[in-house]
Amino acid sequence: MKISRLKRLSWTVTSIALLLGSTVTFSGCSKEDGRIDQTEEGTKLDGTKLVLKVSGIDETQQTASVKGKASTNSTSLNGPKLLEFPEFDALIEIDNNVPFKAAQFTTKAAATSAHGARAAAMDNGITYRLFLFSQDGSQLVSSTQFTTGSQGAIDVTQGQTYKWVALSYNNGEDIPNINTGNTTIALPAGKDVLYATGEVAVPTGGANLNVPINILFKHKFARLAVELNSMGMFANMTGAKVEIAGIKTATIDVGNGTLSNLISADQEIAFSSFADIDPSYQDAKIAYVYTADPAAVSGGIKVNVSNLALKIDDNSTRQFSSTPANFTFNITPVLGNSHRLLVNLLESPLTVDGVRWARQNIYYQAGHNPYRFHHTYAHSNARNTYFSFKGLVPDRFGVNSDPCNEVYPKGMWRQASESDFRKLTGFLGIGGQSPTYGTSNGRGYFEYNASGTAAPYPNNKLHFNFNGGSTSFAVVNGLVQINLGNFGTRAEIWTGSSGIKIGGLLGLGAWYYHGEKGIFGNNSADLTANLLNISVIGIDLIETQMKNVRCVRN
């Protein structure tokens, strides 16, 4: 066997090639270096090439083989866990629910190469390097960089068997070269390291043979998808500072894929690196970091969030402070797998006598994230803020429903009960809290002293607007139409409690909070029994007036 090394196409080598009448072809590559042409005595290349096709990234989740490691074959690995902070709360969870875009196979061969795999698509313009070795891996034959979206080709010798390795950072960066004496590469921190390897036998017979290689990459590191979700704060995110600690990078031996020399790779994730999970909304964003360490991290992987900025419902920005909220995820990463570290941000409550109240009333907005709390303390007589007793949506009667339970993430809130409101009103004038009366644009409200953060919220008072309620209703084409009364002069808020004995009939009444300024200037807040017009209780609908609804934390 005769081996010659062509480090560069010098004038001398080119002249010799022309004299011998042979041709060397470079096709589909963006960078060529360290190339070795391997031929047998008396055998020419004859235009035989390896033709490369990238099939995607194998996202099949591997079950951990070491006891104690997290297996992402299950949906939920760790959580959910509620954490409370001064400015906002969070429900954190670890699972494998990572956004996925399936690869589209254009050839039968490509589909066959990914048989049984969950292959994700790769964008065009991603660089990767194809290292070609002798069959036993002892000699580097060639090293060529290519780009996804365009076909790559490498000249090879008929009758030879090669080992090939593909390496990418899943971006547009150049991939370093190696040589036979040193096949290691120090991998950059925070990058997705994709690796694939295989063996290809080049047949003999005929000129200009094309031998296909279908490359299905796998993640060498564990991929950590950090999701910030502000649906529980009912607003789009416009900024945040996010830092992550407890991750590592490594050195890879290209020839055999082993990782070594783990070093810390803690980093700040730029807010611009977070992509919208749904392009139409900015309330669920995801960014990826990568760790080469398959061992449990002492103290867990930490995600710190500060300087959170939200665009709220009056189109202003609610800016939270630079004091970080620290989230700890106790996880043992599985190399090659994807783990989601979910941070569901929640609006913090206000606490009165042990009851944790939502800061404003609930309203319903059909479509994305439909159950929401008002951000400001502005009065509202919008139709979507008034519900029937135990109704689920504002324009229909209901029975045994709780709109507060539907607030994202589901199950964190419930409708305030009679006993919750009794902590404010007392019973027959005994106990309770003393509200303060105020007006805004001529419309009244009550406020109670509470514990909880003020800025950037309007204040730390528990606030009830005098939004009134319906004085009558009618059903038109299956939808409830109402006439509104007492807007600005009375607060009317349903509790979730029924079963009041009225006129000797058990269960035909419901409690609601009634607040208004008295005739003589006194503040009057109590609970009032409302007789219900029941069609078929427990089966059909409860016909009631329409009032506001306030939620409390479960």
Protein backbone atom coordinates (compact mmCIF):
# COMPACT_ATOMS: atom_id res chain seq x y z
CA MET A 1 0.00 0.00 0.00
CA LYS A 2 1.21 3.46 -0.92
CA ILE A 3 0.21 6.50 1.16
CA SER A 4 0.90 10.13 0.26
CA ARG A 5 -0.06 13.20 2.34
CA LEU A 6 -1.42 16.30 0.59
CA LYS A 7 -1.40 19.13 3.13
CA ARG A 8 -2.01 21.75 0.46
CA LEU A 9 -2.30 21.84 -3.31
CA SER A 10 1.05 23.45 -4.13
CA TRP A 11 2.04 24.45 -7.66
CA THR A 12 4.42 21.47 -7.81
CA VAL A 13 1.80 18.88 -6.83
CA THR A 14 -0.71 20.39 -9.21
CA SER A 15 1.77 20.21 -12.09
CA ILE A 16 2.54 16.56 -11.39
CA ALA A 17 -1.17 15.76 -11.27
CA LEU A 18 -1.71 17.39 -14.63
CA LEU A 19 1.23 15.50 -16.16
CA LEU A 20 -0.12 12.18 -14.89
CA GLY A 21 -3.56 12.97 -16.22
CA SER A 22 -5.27 12.29 -12.87
CA THR A 23 -7.88 14.53 -11.24
CA VAL A 24 -8.49 15.29 -7.53
CA THR A 25 -12.01 16.57 -6.79
CA PHE A 26 -13.20 18.55 -3.72
CA SER A 27 -16.97 18.76 -3.52
CA GLY A 28 -19.52 20.17 -1.10
CA CYS A 29 -17.08 21.23 1.62
CA SER A 30 -16.44 24.59 3.18
CA LYS A 31 -12.98 23.80 4.55
CA GLU A 32 -10.41 21.11 3.61
CA ASP A 33 -7.32 20.28 5.66
CA GLY A 34 -5.30 17.33 6.89
CA ARG A 35 -6.42 15.27 3.90
CA ILE A 36 -4.80 11.91 3.14
CA ASP A 37 -5.52 10.01 -0.09
CA GLN A 38 -5.22 6.27 0.36
CA THR A 39 -4.82 4.06 -2.72
CA GLU A 40 -3.74 0.57 -3.53
CA GLU A 41 -0.80 -0.06 -5.86
CA GLY A 42 -2.00 0.23 -9.45
CA THR A 43 -5.56 1.36 -8.44
CA LYS A 44 -6.89 4.80 -9.36
CA LEU A 45 -9.68 6.68 -7.60
CA ASP A 46 -11.90 6.46 -10.71
CA GLY A 47 -14.24 9.16 -9.34
CA THR A 48 -15.48 6.97 -6.46
CA LYS A 49 -16.94 9.06 -3.63
CA LEU A 50 -18.63 8.85 -0.29
CA VAL A 51 -21.80 10.93 -0.58
CA LEU A 52 -23.02 12.33 2.75
CA LYS A 53 -26.58 12.87 3.94
CA VAL A 54 -27.44 14.22 7.41
CA SER A 55 -30.64 12.53 8.63
CA GLY A 56 -31.05 14.61 11.80
CA ILE A 57 -30.45 14.16 15.54
CA ASP A 58 -31.46 11.04 17.42
CA GLU A 59 -33.67 12.24 20.28
CA THR A 60 -34.54 8.75 21.53
CA GLN A 61 -34.33 8.90 25.31
CA GLN A 62 -31.97 6.38 26.84
CA THR A 63 -32.75 4.60 30.09
CA ALA A 64 -29.98 5.17 32.62
CA SER A 65 -28.07 1.99 33.41
CA VAL A 66 -26.50 3.30 36.60
CA LYS A 67 -28.57 3.17 39.77
CA GLY A 68 -29.73 6.58 40.89
CA LYS A 69 -29.65 8.25 37.49
CA ALA A 70 -32.74 9.95 36.21
CA SER A 71 -34.45 8.17 33.35
CA THR A 72 -36.28 10.44 30.95
CA ASN A 73 -38.44 7.65 29.61
CA SER A 74 -40.99 8.87 32.15
CA THR A 75 -42.87 12.12 31.65
CA SER A 76 -42.18 13.62 35.07
CA LEU A 77 -38.92 12.97 36.87
CA ASN A 78 -38.90 15.39 39.73
CA GLY A 79 -41.69 17.63 40.91
CA PRO A 80 -43.70 19.71 40.80
CA LYS A 81 -42.38 21.73 43.73
CA LEU A 82 -43.72 25.12 44.82
CA LEU A 83 -41.18 27.75 45.83
CA GLU A 84 -42.20 31.09 47.34
CA PHE A 85 -40.23 34.30 46.94
CA PRO A 86 -40.95 37.90 47.93
CA GLU A 87 -41.78 39.13 44.42
CA PHE A 88 -43.15 36.07 42.65
CA ASP A 89 -43.51 32.36 43.26
CA ALA A 90 -42.59 29.43 41.06
CA LEU A 91 -43.60 25.84 40.46
CA ILE A 92 -40.53 23.93 39.27
CA GLU A 93 -40.42 20.51 37.67
CA ILE A 94 -38.07 18.18 35.79
CA ASP A 95 -39.36 16.17 32.85
CA ASN A 96 -38.49 15.37 29.23
CA ASN A 97 -41.17 17.49 27.51
CA VAL A 98 -38.79 19.27 25.16
CA PRO A 99 -39.99 20.87 21.88
CA PHE A 100 -39.43 18.49 18.98
CA LYS A 101 -39.45 18.95 15.22
CA ALA A 102 -39.30 15.64 13.36
CA ALA A 103 -36.78 15.16 10.58
CA GLN A 104 -38.20 14.74 7.10
CA PHE A 105 -36.50 11.83 5.36
CA THR A 106 -36.21 12.33 1.63
CA THR A 107 -34.77 8.93 0.76
CA LYS A 108 -35.56 5.37 1.76
CA ALA A 109 -31.93 4.90 2.82
CA ALA A 110 -32.11 7.85 5.18
CA ALA A 111 -35.28 6.53 6.79
CA THR A 112 -33.72 3.11 7.16
CA SER A 113 -30.68 4.55 8.91
CA ALA A 114 -32.95 6.15 11.50
CA HIS A 115 -35.24 3.12 11.93
CA GLY A 116 -36.58 3.00 15.44
CA ALA A 117 -35.08 6.38 16.32
CA ARG A 118 -36.86 9.60 17.19
CA ALA A 119 -34.99 11.84 14.78
CA ALA A 120 -35.17 15.62 15.08
CA ALA A 121 -34.59 17.92 12.13
CA MET A 122 -31.41 19.96 11.78
CA ASP A 123 -31.40 23.45 10.31
CA ASN A 124 -29.58 24.18 7.08
CA GLY A 125 -26.21 25.90 7.42
CA ILE A 126 -25.01 23.80 10.38
CA THR A 127 -21.32 22.91 10.07
CA TYR A 128 -20.01 19.43 10.75
CA ARG A 129 -16.70 17.71 10.13
CA LEU A 130 -16.33 14.23 8.69
CA PHE A 131 -13.22 12.38 9.88
CA LEU A 132 -12.31 9.34 7.79
CA PHE A 133 -10.07 6.70 9.39
CA SER A 134 -8.58 3.43 8.31
CA GLN A 135 -10.80 0.49 9.24
CA ASP A 136 -8.95 -0.17 12.50
CA GLY A 137 -9.00 3.53 13.40
CA SER A 138 -5.23 3.79 13.60
CA GLN A 139 -4.74 6.21 10.70
CA LEU A 140 -6.56 9.43 9.82
CA VAL A 141 -7.35 9.32 6.11
CA SER A 142 -9.11 12.66 5.68
CA SER A 143 -10.76 15.47 7.62
CA THR A 144 -13.30 17.61 5.79
CA GLN A 145 -15.83 20.18 6.95
CA PHE A 146 -19.31 20.32 5.41
CA THR A 147 -22.56 22.22 5.86
CA THR A 148 -26.05 20.80 6.26
CA GLY A 149 -28.42 21.61 3.44
CA SER A 150 -25.85 20.88 0.75
CA GLN A 151 -24.54 17.48 -0.25
CA GLY A 152 -21.00 16.59 0.75
CA ALA A 153 -18.71 14.16 -1.04
CA ILE A 154 -15.29 12.65 -0.29
CA ASP A 155 -12.99 10.83 -2.74
CA VAL A 156 -12.25 7.27 -1.64
CA THR A 157 -10.63 4.10 -3.01
CA GLN A 158 -12.62 1.15 -4.23
CA GLY A 159 -12.25 -2.03 -2.22
CA GLN A 160 -11.38 -0.22 1.00
CA THR A 161 -13.31 -0.21 4.31
CA TYR A 162 -13.27 2.98 6.35
CA LYS A 163 -14.33 4.07 9.81
CA TRP A 164 -16.01 7.47 9.75
CA VAL A 165 -16.79 9.96 12.53
CA ALA A 166 -18.94 13.10 12.23
CA LEU A 167 -18.72 15.93 14.79
CA SER A 168 -20.76 19.14 15.03
CA TYR A 169 -21.56 21.90 17.52
CA ASN A 170 -25.05 22.24 15.99
CA ASN A 171 -24.29 25.78 14.83
CA GLY A 172 -22.21 27.52 12.17
CA GLU A 173 -18.86 27.35 13.96
CA ASP A 174 -15.81 25.65 12.46
CA ILE A 175 -14.92 22.26 13.91
CA PRO A 176 -11.22 21.87 14.82
CA ASN A 177 -9.05 19.43 12.93
CA ILE A 178 -7.08 16.55 14.45
CA ASN A 179 -4.18 14.38 13.36
CA THR A 180 -3.20 10.76 13.80
CA GLY A 181 -0.99 11.54 16.76
CA ASN A 182 -3.62 13.54 18.64
CA THR A 183 -7.30 12.79 18.11
CA THR A 184 -8.65 14.87 21.02
CA ILE A 185 -10.55 18.17 20.93
CA ALA A 186 -11.26 20.42 23.94
CA LEU A 187 -15.00 21.09 23.57
CA PRO A 188 -16.44 24.58 24.05
CA ALA A 189 -18.70 25.31 27.02
CA GLY A 190 -22.41 25.74 26.50
CA LYS A 191 -22.49 24.12 23.07
CA ASP A 192 -24.43 21.15 21.75
CA VAL A 193 -21.87 18.47 20.84
CA LEU A 194 -23.23 16.13 18.17
CA TYR A 195 -21.41 12.90 17.36
CA ALA A 196 -21.98 10.03 14.96
CA THR A 197 -19.79 7.15 13.82
CA GLY A 198 -19.95 4.12 11.56
CA GLU A 199 -18.14 1.95 9.06
CA VAL A 200 -18.45 1.94 5.28
CA ALA A 201 -17.15 -0.58 2.76
CA VAL A 202 -16.48 0.80 -0.72
CA PRO A 203 -17.36 -1.73 -3.42
CA THR A 204 -15.34 -2.36 -6.56
CA GLY A 205 -16.33 -2.27 -10.21
CA GLY A 206 -16.93 0.64 -12.55
CA ALA A 207 -15.98 4.28 -12.38
CA ASN A 208 -17.72 7.20 -10.66
CA LEU A 209 -19.34 5.14 -7.91
CA ASN A 210 -21.32 7.05 -5.25
CA VAL A 211 -21.41 5.32 -1.88
CA PRO A 212 -23.99 6.85 0.53
CA ILE A 213 -23.45 7.57 4.22
CA ASN A 214 -26.47 8.63 6.24
CA ILE A 215 -25.44 10.53 9.37
CA LEU A 216 -27.79 10.41 12.35
CA PHE A 217 -26.20 12.49 15.09
CA LYS A 218 -26.55 11.91 18.82
CA HIS A 219 -25.99 14.36 21.66
CA LYS A 220 -22.72 13.60 23.46
CA PHE A 221 -23.68 15.79 26.41
CA ALA A 222 -26.90 15.85 28.40
CA ARG A 223 -29.11 18.58 26.99
CA LEU A 224 -30.81 20.75 29.62
CA ALA A 225 -33.79 22.69 28.30
CA VAL A 226 -34.39 25.64 30.63
CA GLU A 227 -37.98 26.81 30.23
CA LEU A 228 -39.21 30.08 31.71
CA ASN A 229 -42.99 30.21 31.67
CA SER A 230 -44.92 33.34 32.70
CA MET A 231 -48.41 32.08 31.83
CA GLY A 232 -49.05 31.97 35.59
CA MET A 233 -48.37 35.71 35.64
CA PHE A 234 -50.65 36.28 32.62
CA ALA A 235 -48.10 38.31 30.69
CA ASN A 236 -45.41 38.11 28.02
CA MET A 237 -41.78 38.31 29.09
CA THR A 238 -39.64 41.11 27.71
CA GLY A 239 -36.46 40.51 29.70
CA ALA A 240 -34.72 38.50 32.41
CA LYS A 241 -31.24 37.69 33.65
CA VAL A 242 -30.73 33.93 33.85
CA GLU A 243 -27.66 32.24 35.28
CA ILE A 244 -27.00 28.50 35.51
CA ALA A 245 -24.51 26.66 37.69
CA GLY A 246 -23.51 23.03 38.10
CA ILE A 247 -22.78 22.13 34.45
CA LYS A 248 -19.50 21.00 32.88
CA THR A 249 -17.77 20.65 29.53
CA ALA A 250 -15.10 18.11 28.51
CA THR A 251 -12.47 16.94 26.03
CA ILE A 252 -13.53 14.39 23.41
CA ASP A 253 -11.44 11.71 21.75
CA VAL A 254 -12.81 11.87 18.22
CA GLY A 255 -11.68 8.35 17.40
CA ASN A 256 -13.70 6.57 20.07
CA GLY A 257 -16.07 9.26 21.40
CA THR A 258 -14.93 9.09 25.02
CA LEU A 259 -15.12 12.20 27.22
CA SER A 260 -12.49 13.26 29.73
CA ASN A 261 -11.10 16.29 31.59
CA LEU A 262 -14.40 17.63 32.93
CA ILE A 263 -14.26 21.33 33.81
CA SER A 264 -16.87 23.75 35.16
CA ALA A 265 -18.96 25.56 32.55
CA ASP A 266 -21.26 27.78 34.65
CA GLN A 267 -22.69 30.56 32.53
CA GLU A 268 -25.26 33.29 32.04
CA ILE A 269 -27.86 32.59 29.37
CA ALA A 270 -28.55 35.72 27.33
CA PHE A 271 -32.27 36.50 27.21
CA SER A 272 -31.96 36.70 23.43
CA SER A 273 -31.00 33.01 23.46
CA PHE A 274 -34.47 32.08 24.73
CA ALA A 275 -36.80 31.08 21.91
CA ASP A 276 -40.59 31.33 22.06
CA ILE A 277 -42.13 27.86 22.30
CA ASP A 278 -45.19 29.23 20.51
CA PRO A 279 -44.06 31.97 18.10
CA SER A 280 -47.35 33.82 18.63
CA TYR A 281 -46.71 34.39 22.35
CA GLN A 282 -43.81 35.39 24.54
CA ASP A 283 -44.98 33.76 27.78
CA ALA A 284 -43.14 30.45 27.40
CA LYS A 285 -39.48 30.61 26.40
CA ILE A 286 -36.80 27.93 26.21
CA ALA A 287 -33.01 27.90 25.97
CA TYR A 288 -30.54 25.03 26.04
CA VAL A 289 -27.39 24.37 28.02
CA TYR A 290 -25.28 21.23 27.98
CA THR A 291 -23.34 19.26 30.55
CA ALA A 292 -20.77 16.51 30.11
CA ASP A 293 -21.05 15.34 33.71
CA PRO A 294 -23.26 12.24 34.17
CA ALA A 295 -22.92 12.35 37.96
CA ALA A 296 -25.31 13.94 40.42
CA VAL A 297 -24.31 17.55 41.05
CA SER A 298 -23.63 18.42 44.68
CA GLY A 299 -26.35 20.90 45.60
CA GLY A 300 -28.15 20.37 42.30
CA ILE A 301 -28.17 22.34 39.06
CA LYS A 302 -29.09 25.91 39.91
CA VAL A 303 -31.07 28.31 37.73
CA ASN A 304 -31.12 31.90 39.04
CA VAL A 305 -33.61 34.40 37.63
CA SER A 306 -33.53 38.15 38.24
CA ASN A 307 -34.49 41.41 36.47
CA LEU A 308 -37.70 39.81 35.19
CA ALA A 309 -39.72 42.19 33.00
CA LEU A 310 -43.32 41.56 31.91
CA LYS A 311 -45.63 43.38 29.51
CA ILE A 312 -48.88 43.58 31.49
CA ASP A 313 -52.49 44.13 30.39
CA ASP A 314 -52.37 47.95 30.27
CA ASN A 315 -49.34 47.63 27.93
CA SER A 316 -46.91 48.91 30.56
CA THR A 317 -43.83 47.00 31.76
CA ARG A 318 -43.72 45.43 35.20
CA GLN A 319 -40.04 45.32 36.19
CA PHE A 320 -38.95 43.09 39.03
CA SER A 321 -35.77 43.66 41.02
CA SER A 322 -32.22 42.40 40.53
CA THR A 323 -32.49 40.14 43.59
CA PRO A 324 -32.29 36.63 42.12
CA ALA A 325 -34.81 33.90 42.73
CA ASN A 326 -32.78 30.70 43.06
CA PHE A 327 -34.18 27.44 41.70
CA THR A 328 -32.42 24.15 42.45
CA PHE A 329 -33.02 21.08 40.27
CA ASN A 330 -31.88 17.82 41.83
CA ILE A 331 -31.07 15.76 38.77
CA THR A 332 -28.49 13.25 37.61
CA PRO A 333 -28.19 14.02 33.89
CA VAL A 334 -28.16 11.16 31.39
CA LEU A 335 -25.63 11.79 28.61
CA GLY A 336 -27.39 11.88 25.25
CA ASN A 337 -30.78 12.63 26.81
CA SER A 338 -32.80 15.84 26.99
CA HIS A 339 -34.12 17.04 30.35
CA ARG A 340 -36.50 19.98 30.75
CA LEU A 341 -35.94 22.23 33.77
CA LEU A 342 -39.31 23.99 33.98
CA VAL A 343 -39.75 27.24 35.93
CA ASN A 344 -43.43 28.16 36.03
CA LEU A 345 -43.52 31.72 37.34
CA LEU A 346 -46.59 32.55 39.43
CA GLU A 347 -48.06 35.82 40.63
CA SER A 348 -47.46 36.10 44.37
CA PRO A 349 -50.52 36.29 46.67
CA LEU A 350 -51.48 38.67 49.47
CA THR A 351 -52.10 37.04 52.86
CA VAL A 352 -54.79 38.01 55.36
CA ASP A 353 -55.29 35.86 58.47
CA GLY A 354 -53.66 32.84 56.80
CA VAL A 355 -55.65 33.05 53.54
CA ARG A 356 -53.51 33.75 50.47
CA TRP A 357 -55.57 35.87 48.10
CA ALA A 358 -55.11 36.64 44.42
CA ARG A 359 -54.45 40.35 43.99
CA GLN A 360 -57.34 40.91 41.60
CA ASN A 361 -60.41 39.21 40.14
CA ILE A 362 -60.32 36.44 37.58
CA TYR A 363 -61.52 37.00 34.02
CA TYR A 364 -61.89 34.74 31.00
CA GLN A 365 -60.27 35.41 27.62
CA ALA A 366 -61.00 32.70 25.07
CA GLY A 367 -57.98 31.21 23.33
CA HIS A 368 -54.44 31.03 24.66
CA ASN A 369 -54.17 30.89 28.46
CA PRO A 370 -57.84 31.82 28.95
CA TYR A 371 -58.11 32.16 32.76
CA ARG A 372 -56.30 35.28 34.00
CA PHE A 373 -56.10 37.79 36.83
CA HIS A 374 -56.25 41.52 36.18
CA HIS A 375 -52.82 43.14 36.63
CA THR A 376 -53.89 46.58 37.75
CA TYR A 377 -56.50 47.82 40.20
CA ALA A 378 -58.60 49.49 37.52
CA HIS A 379 -62.36 48.94 37.70
CA SER A 380 -63.88 46.79 34.97
CA ASN A 381 -67.41 46.14 33.77
CA ALA A 382 -66.23 43.94 30.90
CA ARG A 383 -68.62 41.05 30.32
CA ASN A 384 -65.83 38.47 30.65
CA THR A 385 -65.29 39.38 34.33
CA TYR A 386 -68.73 38.23 35.56
CA PHE A 387 -69.55 34.56 36.24
CA SER A 388 -72.62 32.65 37.37
CA PHE A 389 -72.45 30.79 40.67
CA LYS A 390 -70.13 27.81 40.02
CA GLY A 391 -69.96 28.80 36.35
CA LEU A 392 -66.89 28.00 34.28
CA VAL A 393 -67.21 30.62 31.52
CA PRO A 394 -68.85 34.03 31.76
CA ASP A 395 -71.61 33.64 29.16
CA ARG A 396 -73.03 30.33 30.39
CA PHE A 397 -74.61 29.00 33.55
CA GLY A 398 -72.72 26.26 35.36
CA VAL A 399 -72.87 23.69 38.07
CA ASN A 400 -70.09 22.43 40.36
CA SER A 401 -67.33 24.21 38.43
CA ASP A 402 -64.46 26.33 39.64
CA PRO A 403 -62.83 28.73 37.16
CA CYS A 404 -59.97 29.38 39.59
CA ASN A 405 -58.90 25.75 39.33
CA GLU A 406 -58.35 26.30 35.59
CA VAL A 407 -55.76 29.05 36.05
CA TYR A 408 -52.35 28.00 34.70
CA PRO A 409 -50.71 25.91 36.07
CA LYS A 410 -53.93 24.08 36.80
CA GLY A 411 -54.73 23.28 40.43
CA MET A 412 -52.73 26.08 42.07
CA TRP A 413 -55.78 28.25 42.84
CA ARG A 414 -59.38 27.72 43.94
CA GLN A 415 -62.42 29.96 44.32
CA ALA A 416 -62.58 31.72 47.68
CA SER A 417 -65.05 30.01 50.02
CA GLU A 418 -67.46 31.36 52.60
CA SER A 419 -64.93 30.64 55.36
CA ASP A 420 -62.19 32.51 53.44
CA PHE A 421 -64.37 35.61 53.19
CA ARG A 422 -65.39 35.28 56.85
CA LYS A 423 -61.75 36.02 57.71
CA LEU A 424 -62.45 39.46 56.20
CA THR A 425 -66.06 40.13 57.19
CA GLY A 426 -66.45 38.27 60.47
CA PHE A 427 -69.86 36.91 61.43
CA LEU A 428 -72.70 39.20 62.45
CA GLY A 429 -70.22 41.99 63.04
CA ILE A 430 -67.92 39.90 65.22
CA GLY A 431 -64.30 39.42 64.14
CA GLY A 432 -63.01 40.06 60.65
CA GLN A 433 -61.00 42.96 59.27
CA SER A 434 -61.76 46.65 58.89
CA PRO A 435 -61.69 47.75 55.24
CA THR A 436 -60.61 51.18 54.06
CA TYR A 437 -62.87 52.90 51.54
CA GLY A 438 -61.45 54.73 48.55
CA THR A 439 -62.39 55.89 45.07
CA SER A 440 -60.76 55.82 41.65
CA ASN A 441 -62.32 57.88 38.86
CA GLY A 442 -65.37 58.28 41.09
CA ARG A 443 -65.81 54.53 41.61
CA GLY A 444 -65.46 52.97 45.02
CA TYR A 445 -63.32 50.17 46.39
CA PHE A 446 -62.39 48.49 49.68
CA GLU A 447 -58.86 47.62 50.77
CA TYR A 448 -57.67 45.40 53.60
CA ASN A 449 -54.27 45.33 55.26
CA ALA A 450 -52.31 42.31 54.07
CA SER A 451 -48.80 40.90 54.02
CA GLY A 452 -47.04 40.61 50.69
CA THR A 453 -44.80 42.51 48.30
CA ALA A 454 -45.90 45.88 47.02
CA ALA A 455 -43.77 47.21 44.13
CA PRO A 456 -43.81 46.42 41.28
CA TYR A 457 -47.44 45.52 42.07
CA PRO A 458 -49.88 48.43 42.65
CA ASN A 459 -49.58 48.03 46.44
CA ASN A 460 -49.69 45.36 49.16
CA LYS A 461 -53.33 45.95 50.09
CA LEU A 462 -56.02 43.36 49.37
CA HIS A 463 -58.20 45.31 46.96
CA PHE A 464 -61.87 44.78 46.00
CA ASN A 465 -63.33 47.05 43.33
CA PHE A 466 -66.98 48.04 43.34
CA ASN A 467 -67.72 46.48 39.97
CA GLY A 468 -71.34 45.57 40.78
CA GLY A 469 -73.11 42.62 39.23
CA SER A 470 -76.07 41.72 37.07
CA THR A 471 -79.55 42.86 38.00
CA SER A 472 -81.26 40.55 35.51
CA PHE A 473 -80.37 37.99 32.87
CA ALA A 474 -81.77 36.30 29.82
CA VAL A 475 -80.65 33.39 27.69
CA VAL A 476 -80.30 34.17 23.98
CA ASN A 477 -79.18 31.41 21.61
CA GLY A 478 -77.78 29.47 24.54
CA LEU A 479 -75.70 32.37 25.86
CA VAL A 480 -76.45 34.34 29.00
CA GLN A 481 -77.14 38.03 28.45
CA ILE A 482 -77.06 40.31 31.52
CA ASN A 483 -78.07 43.80 32.58
CA LEU A 484 -75.37 45.26 34.79
CA GLY A 485 -76.07 47.33 37.88
CA ASN A 486 -74.23 48.98 40.79
CA PHE A 487 -71.02 49.55 38.81
CA GLY A 488 -68.81 51.76 40.95
CA THR A 489 -71.10 51.63 44.00
CA ARG A 490 -71.01 48.01 45.20
CA ALA A 491 -68.71 44.98 45.26
CA GLU A 492 -70.43 41.66 44.49
CA ILE A 493 -68.20 38.59 44.51
CA TRP A 494 -69.33 34.97 44.54
CA THR A 495 -67.95 32.55 47.08
CA GLY A 496 -67.72 28.91 46.08
CA SER A 497 -70.00 27.85 48.97
CA SER A 498 -73.59 26.69 48.65
CA GLY A 499 -75.90 24.64 50.84
CA ILE A 500 -77.60 27.52 52.60
CA LYS A 501 -80.94 26.67 54.14
CA ILE A 502 -83.40 29.26 52.81
CA GLY A 503 -87.12 28.96 53.35
CA GLY A 504 -86.73 25.42 54.62
CA LEU A 505 -85.04 24.31 51.38
CA LEU A 506 -81.51 22.97 51.83
CA GLY A 507 -78.94 23.72 49.15
CA LEU A 508 -80.88 26.33 47.18
CA GLY A 509 -78.75 29.28 48.18
CA ALA A 510 -75.20 30.61 47.80
CA TRP A 511 -73.03 33.09 49.62
CA TYR A 512 -71.53 36.16 48.03
CA TYR A 513 -69.39 39.02 49.33
CA HIS A 514 -71.25 42.32 49.45
CA GLY A 515 -69.33 45.53 50.01
CA GLU A 516 -70.50 49.16 49.79
CA LYS A 517 -70.16 52.49 51.50
CA GLY A 518 -73.01 52.98 53.96
CA ILE A 519 -75.47 55.83 53.90
CA PHE A 520 -73.83 57.44 56.89
CA GLY A 521 -70.29 56.98 55.57
CA ASN A 522 -69.65 53.68 57.33
CA ASN A 523 -67.95 50.82 55.53
CA SER A 524 -70.21 47.83 55.11
CA ALA A 525 -68.75 44.47 54.06
CA ASP A 526 -70.52 41.20 54.74
CA LEU A 527 -71.66 37.95 53.21
CA THR A 528 -75.15 37.78 51.73
CA ALA A 529 -77.26 34.74 50.92
CA ASN A 530 -78.52 34.63 47.35
CA LEU A 531 -81.48 32.39 46.42
CA LEU A 532 -80.70 30.31 43.35
CA ASN A 533 -83.02 29.53 40.45
CA ILE A 534 -82.18 25.91 39.78
CA SER A 535 -83.16 24.09 36.60
CA VAL A 536 -81.93 20.67 37.61
CA ILE A 537 -79.34 20.89 40.36
CA GLY A 538 -76.40 18.53 39.97
CA ILE A 539 -77.49 17.52 36.48
CA ASP A 540 -78.02 20.58 34.36
CA LEU A 541 -77.54 24.22 35.31
CA ILE A 542 -77.89 26.64 38.19
CA GLU A 543 -79.44 29.88 36.95
CA THR A 544 -77.98 32.78 38.91
CA GLN A 545 -77.05 36.40 38.73
CA MET A 546 -73.55 37.23 37.45
CA LYS A 547 -70.86 38.48 39.81
CA ASN A 548 -67.07 38.76 40.09
CA VAL A 549 -64.95 35.84 41.31
CA ARG A 550 -61.79 36.04 43.47
CA CYS A 551 -59.31 33.17 43.82
CA VAL A 552 -57.14 31.98 46.70
CA ARG A 553 -54.16 29.64 46.72
CA ASN A 554 -54.72 25.97 47.41
